[in-house]
Amino acid sequence: MTKHFKRLLMDESGATAIEYGLIAALIATALIAGAGTLGNALNTQFNGIAGQLNVS
């Protein structure tokens, strides 16, 4: 029984999976933030163009 418990304590495959999960979450958060910023910039740009077209 102690042999199985010792092997469980020494197993690091679960830690690696958790690390990959945290990295994926960080990348997803960065992508979402970047997409939001880009969306706001594009919205401002298109509103400016639309305003110029309406004036003419």
PDB file of N, CA and C in Angstrom:
ATOM      1  N   MET A   1       0.837  -1.204   0.000  1.00  0.00           N
ATOM      2  CA  MET A   1       0.000   0.000   0.000  1.00  0.00           C
ATOM      3  C   MET A   1       0.872   1.255   0.000  1.00  0.00           C
ATOM      4  N   THR A   2       1.920   1.244   0.799  1.00  0.00           N
ATOM      5  CA  THR A   2       2.790   2.421   0.847  1.00  0.00           C
ATOM      6  C   THR A   2       3.511   2.622  -0.472  1.00  0.00           C
ATOM      7  N   LYS A   3       3.754   1.522  -1.203  1.00  0.00           N
ATOM      8  CA  LYS A   3       4.408   1.628  -2.503  1.00  0.00           C
ATOM      9  C   LYS A   3       3.523   2.414  -3.476  1.00  0.00           C
ATOM     10  N   HIS A   4       2.217   2.154  -3.450  1.00  0.00           N
ATOM     11  CA  HIS A   4       1.276   2.858  -4.329  1.00  0.00           C
ATOM     12  C   HIS A   4       1.144   4.325  -3.916  1.00  0.00           C
ATOM     13  N   PHE A   5       1.130   4.574  -2.621  1.00  0.00           N
ATOM     14  CA  PHE A   5       1.012   5.949  -2.124  1.00  0.00           C
ATOM     15  C   PHE A   5       2.257   6.747  -2.484  1.00  0.00           C
ATOM     16  N   LYS A   6       3.429   6.119  -2.359  1.00  0.00           N
ATOM     17  CA  LYS A   6       4.679   6.794  -2.698  1.00  0.00           C
ATOM     18  C   LYS A   6       4.721   7.108  -4.195  1.00  0.00           C
ATOM     19  N   ARG A   7       4.260   6.170  -5.031  1.00  0.00           N
ATOM     20  CA  ARG A   7       4.229   6.405  -6.469  1.00  0.00           C
ATOM     21  C   ARG A   7       3.264   7.550  -6.804  1.00  0.00           C
ATOM     22  N   LEU A   8       2.152   7.635  -6.095  1.00  0.00           N
ATOM     23  CA  LEU A   8       1.190   8.715  -6.309  1.00  0.00           C
ATOM     24  C   LEU A   8       1.798  10.071  -5.962  1.00  0.00           C
ATOM     25  N   LEU A   9       2.562  10.120  -4.882  1.00  0.00           N
ATOM     26  CA  LEU A   9       3.208  11.375  -4.486  1.00  0.00           C
ATOM     27  C   LEU A   9       4.289  11.797  -5.474  1.00  0.00           C
ATOM     28  N   MET A  10       4.957  10.843  -6.077  1.00  0.00           N
ATOM     29  CA  MET A  10       6.045  11.145  -7.002  1.00  0.00           C
ATOM     30  C   MET A  10       5.541  11.456  -8.415  1.00  0.00           C
ATOM     31  N   ASP A  11       4.292  11.138  -8.719  1.00  0.00           N
ATOM     32  CA  ASP A  11       3.739  11.352 -10.055  1.00  0.00           C
ATOM     33  C   ASP A  11       3.535  12.842 -10.286  1.00  0.00           C
ATOM     34  N   GLU A  12       4.138  13.386 -11.346  1.00  0.00           N
ATOM     35  CA  GLU A  12       4.021  14.812 -11.644  1.00  0.00           C
ATOM     36  C   GLU A  12       3.205  15.078 -12.905  1.00  0.00           C
ATOM     37  N   SER A  13       2.587  14.073 -13.471  1.00  0.00           N
ATOM     38  CA  SER A  13       1.836  14.283 -14.707  1.00  0.00           C
ATOM     39  C   SER A  13       0.614  15.174 -14.478  1.00  0.00           C
ATOM     40  N   GLY A  14       0.002  15.079 -13.324  1.00  0.00           N
ATOM     41  CA  GLY A  14      -1.136  15.945 -13.022  1.00  0.00           C
ATOM     42  C   GLY A  14      -0.725  17.403 -12.903  1.00  0.00           C
ATOM     43  N   ALA A  15       0.448  17.641 -12.323  1.00  0.00           N
ATOM     44  CA  ALA A  15       0.947  19.007 -12.185  1.00  0.00           C
ATOM     45  C   ALA A  15       1.214  19.611 -13.561  1.00  0.00           C
ATOM     46  N   THR A  16       1.727  18.820 -14.471  1.00  0.00           N
ATOM     47  CA  THR A  16       1.991  19.306 -15.820  1.00  0.00           C
ATOM     48  C   THR A  16       0.686  19.673 -16.517  1.00  0.00           C
ATOM     49  N   ALA A  17      -0.330  18.866 -16.351  1.00  0.00           N
ATOM     50  CA  ALA A  17      -1.625  19.167 -16.960  1.00  0.00           C
ATOM     51  C   ALA A  17      -2.206  20.462 -16.393  1.00  0.00           C
ATOM     52  N   ILE A  18      -2.052  20.665 -15.104  1.00  0.00           N
ATOM     53  CA  ILE A  18      -2.546  21.897 -14.487  1.00  0.00           C
ATOM     54  C   ILE A  18      -1.782  23.105 -15.020  1.00  0.00           C
ATOM     55  N   GLU A  19      -0.461  22.967 -15.176  1.00  0.00           N
ATOM     56  CA  GLU A  19       0.336  24.068 -15.711  1.00  0.00           C
ATOM     57  C   GLU A  19      -0.099  24.418 -17.129  1.00  0.00           C
ATOM     58  N   TYR A  20      -0.329  23.392 -17.957  1.00  0.00           N
ATOM     59  CA  TYR A  20      -0.802  23.662 -19.317  1.00  0.00           C
ATOM     60  C   TYR A  20      -2.171  24.332 -19.297  1.00  0.00           C
ATOM     61  N   GLY A  21      -3.011  23.943 -18.381  1.00  0.00           N
ATOM     62  CA  GLY A  21      -4.322  24.567 -18.263  1.00  0.00           C
ATOM     63  C   GLY A  21      -4.221  26.034 -17.873  1.00  0.00           C
ATOM     64  N   LEU A  22      -3.315  26.336 -16.954  1.00  0.00           N
ATOM     65  CA  LEU A  22      -3.120  27.735 -16.543  1.00  0.00           C
ATOM     66  C   LEU A  22      -2.554  28.571 -17.684  1.00  0.00           C
ATOM     67  N   ILE A  23      -1.631  28.013 -18.441  1.00  0.00           N
ATOM     68  CA  ILE A  23      -1.082  28.742 -19.585  1.00  0.00           C
ATOM     69  C   ILE A  23      -2.168  29.001 -20.619  1.00  0.00           C
ATOM     70  N   ALA A  24      -2.999  27.997 -20.892  1.00  0.00           N
ATOM     71  CA  ALA A  24      -4.089  28.175 -21.850  1.00  0.00           C
ATOM     72  C   ALA A  24      -5.077  29.243 -21.378  1.00  0.00           C
ATOM     73  N   ALA A  25      -5.363  29.280 -20.083  1.00  0.00           N
ATOM     74  CA  ALA A  25      -6.275  30.295 -19.542  1.00  0.00           C
ATOM     75  C   ALA A  25      -5.671  31.688 -19.679  1.00  0.00           C
ATOM     76  N   LEU A  26      -4.372  31.820 -19.443  1.00  0.00           N
ATOM     77  CA  LEU A  26      -3.700  33.111 -19.572  1.00  0.00           C
ATOM     78  C   LEU A  26      -3.719  33.586 -21.023  1.00  0.00           C
ATOM     79  N   ILE A  27      -3.454  32.689 -21.947  1.00  0.00           N
ATOM     80  CA  ILE A  27      -3.483  33.053 -23.367  1.00  0.00           C
ATOM     81  C   ILE A  27      -4.894  33.448 -23.787  1.00  0.00           C
ATOM     82  N   ALA A  28      -5.901  32.711 -23.332  1.00  0.00           N
ATOM     83  CA  ALA A  28      -7.288  33.043 -23.670  1.00  0.00           C
ATOM     84  C   ALA A  28      -7.676  34.411 -23.129  1.00  0.00           C
ATOM     85  N   THR A  29      -7.253  34.717 -21.917  1.00  0.00           N
ATOM     86  CA  THR A  29      -7.550  36.025 -21.324  1.00  0.00           C
ATOM     87  C   THR A  29      -6.902  37.141 -22.128  1.00  0.00           C
ATOM     88  N   ALA A  30      -5.657  36.932 -22.549  1.00  0.00           N
ATOM     89  CA  ALA A  30      -4.967  37.943 -23.349  1.00  0.00           C
ATOM     90  C   ALA A  30      -5.652  38.135 -24.697  1.00  0.00           C
ATOM     91  N   LEU A  31      -6.092  37.049 -25.316  1.00  0.00           N
ATOM     92  CA  LEU A  31      -6.784  37.157 -26.601  1.00  0.00           C
ATOM     93  C   LEU A  31      -8.111  37.897 -26.474  1.00  0.00           C
ATOM     94  N   ILE A  32      -8.838  37.618 -25.415  1.00  0.00           N
ATOM     95  CA  ILE A  32     -10.123  38.286 -25.204  1.00  0.00           C
ATOM     96  C   ILE A  32      -9.918  39.779 -24.973  1.00  0.00           C
ATOM     97  N   ALA A  33      -8.916  40.124 -24.169  1.00  0.00           N
ATOM     98  CA  ALA A  33      -8.636  41.538 -23.907  1.00  0.00           C
ATOM     99  C   ALA A  33      -8.196  42.238 -25.192  1.00  0.00           C
ATOM    100  N   GLY A  34      -7.341  41.581 -25.973  1.00  0.00           N
ATOM    101  CA  GLY A  34      -6.885  42.170 -27.232  1.00  0.00           C
ATOM    102  C   GLY A  34      -8.008  42.333 -28.230  1.00  0.00           C
ATOM    103  N   ALA A  35      -8.892  41.357 -28.308  1.00  0.00           N
ATOM    104  CA  ALA A  35     -10.019  41.448 -29.227  1.00  0.00           C
ATOM    105  C   ALA A  35     -10.959  42.579 -28.820  1.00  0.00           C
ATOM    106  N   GLY A  36     -11.149  42.756 -27.519  1.00  0.00           N
ATOM    107  CA  GLY A  36     -12.007  43.854 -27.050  1.00  0.00           C
ATOM    108  C   GLY A  36     -11.427  45.208 -27.397  1.00  0.00           C
ATOM    109  N   THR A  37     -10.124  45.364 -27.200  1.00  0.00           N
ATOM    110  CA  THR A  37      -9.459  46.621 -27.525  1.00  0.00           C
ATOM    111  C   THR A  37      -9.503  46.890 -29.024  1.00  0.00           C
ATOM    112  N   LEU A  38      -9.228  45.870 -29.810  1.00  0.00           N
ATOM    113  CA  LEU A  38      -9.275  46.019 -31.266  1.00  0.00           C
ATOM    114  C   LEU A  38     -10.688  46.347 -31.731  1.00  0.00           C
ATOM    115  N   GLY A  39     -11.676  45.719 -31.138  1.00  0.00           N
ATOM    116  CA  GLY A  39     -13.060  45.993 -31.498  1.00  0.00           C
ATOM    117  C   GLY A  39     -13.455  47.435 -31.219  1.00  0.00           C
ATOM    118  N   ASN A  40     -13.018  47.942 -30.075  1.00  0.00           N
ATOM    119  CA  ASN A  40     -13.329  49.339 -29.745  1.00  0.00           C
ATOM    120  C   ASN A  40     -12.639  50.297 -30.703  1.00  0.00           C
ATOM    121  N   ALA A  41     -11.396  50.004 -31.075  1.00  0.00           N
ATOM    122  CA  ALA A  41     -10.671  50.865 -32.010  1.00  0.00           C
ATOM    123  C   ALA A  41     -11.330  50.855 -33.384  1.00  0.00           C
ATOM    124  N   LEU A  42     -11.737  49.678 -33.839  1.00  0.00           N
ATOM    125  CA  LEU A  42     -12.414  49.592 -35.134  1.00  0.00           C
ATOM    126  C   LEU A  42     -13.757  50.303 -35.118  1.00  0.00           C
ATOM    127  N   ASN A  43     -14.481  50.180 -34.019  1.00  0.00           N
ATOM    128  CA  ASN A  43     -15.772  50.847 -33.900  1.00  0.00           C
ATOM    129  C   ASN A  43     -15.598  52.362 -33.988  1.00  0.00           C
ATOM    130  N   THR A  44     -14.597  52.878 -33.305  1.00  0.00           N
ATOM    131  CA  THR A  44     -14.328  54.319 -33.354  1.00  0.00           C
ATOM    132  C   THR A  44     -13.962  54.747 -34.770  1.00  0.00           C
ATOM    133  N   GLN A  45     -13.130  53.972 -35.430  1.00  0.00           N
ATOM    134  CA  GLN A  45     -12.702  54.289 -36.792  1.00  0.00           C
ATOM    135  C   GLN A  45     -13.889  54.287 -37.754  1.00  0.00           C
ATOM    136  N   PHE A  46     -14.731  53.272 -37.693  1.00  0.00           N
ATOM    137  CA  PHE A  46     -15.885  53.194 -38.598  1.00  0.00           C
ATOM    138  C   PHE A  46     -16.908  54.285 -38.301  1.00  0.00           C
ATOM    139  N   ASN A  47     -17.076  54.629 -37.047  1.00  0.00           N
ATOM    140  CA  ASN A  47     -17.988  55.731 -36.722  1.00  0.00           C
ATOM    141  C   ASN A  47     -17.477  57.049 -37.281  1.00  0.00           C
ATOM    142  N   GLY A  48     -16.157  57.248 -37.245  1.00  0.00           N
ATOM    143  CA  GLY A  48     -15.574  58.458 -37.835  1.00  0.00           C
ATOM    144  C   GLY A  48     -15.784  58.509 -39.337  1.00  0.00           C
ATOM    145  N   ILE A  49     -15.587  57.385 -40.003  1.00  0.00           N
ATOM    146  CA  ILE A  49     -15.802  57.322 -41.457  1.00  0.00           C
ATOM    147  C   ILE A  49     -17.273  57.550 -41.785  1.00  0.00           C
ATOM    148  N   ALA A  50     -18.169  56.942 -41.011  1.00  0.00           N
ATOM    149  CA  ALA A  50     -19.597  57.117 -41.262  1.00  0.00           C
ATOM    150  C   ALA A  50     -20.000  58.572 -41.063  1.00  0.00           C
ATOM    151  N   GLY A  51     -19.432  59.224 -40.076  1.00  0.00           N
ATOM    152  CA  GLY A  51     -19.733  60.626 -39.845  1.00  0.00           C
ATOM    153  C   GLY A  51     -19.273  61.498 -41.007  1.00  0.00           C
ATOM    154  N   GLN A  52     -18.131  61.196 -41.582  1.00  0.00           N
ATOM    155  CA  GLN A  52     -17.639  61.945 -42.723  1.00  0.00           C
ATOM    156  C   GLN A  52     -18.483  61.703 -43.970  1.00  0.00           C
ATOM    157  N   LEU A  53     -18.984  60.505 -44.134  1.00  0.00           N
ATOM    158  CA  LEU A  53     -19.823  60.219 -45.289  1.00  0.00           C
ATOM    159  C   LEU A  53     -21.172  60.917 -45.193  1.00  0.00           C
ATOM    160  N   ASN A  54     -21.702  61.051 -43.998  1.00  0.00           N
ATOM    161  CA  ASN A  54     -23.010  61.708 -43.817  1.00  0.00           C
ATOM    162  C   ASN A  54     -22.924  63.202 -44.043  1.00  0.00           C
ATOM    163  N   VAL A  55     -21.762  63.805 -43.809  1.00  0.00           N
ATOM    164  CA  VAL A  55     -21.603  65.257 -43.958  1.00  0.00           C
ATOM    165  C   VAL A  55     -21.628  65.635 -45.434  1.00  0.00           C
ATOM    166  N   SER A  56     -21.067  64.816 -46.291  1.00  0.00           N
ATOM    167  CA  SER A  56     -20.936  65.148 -47.716  1.00  0.00           C
ATOM    168  C   SER A  56     -22.237  65.267 -48.409  1.00  0.00           C
TER     169      SER A  56
END
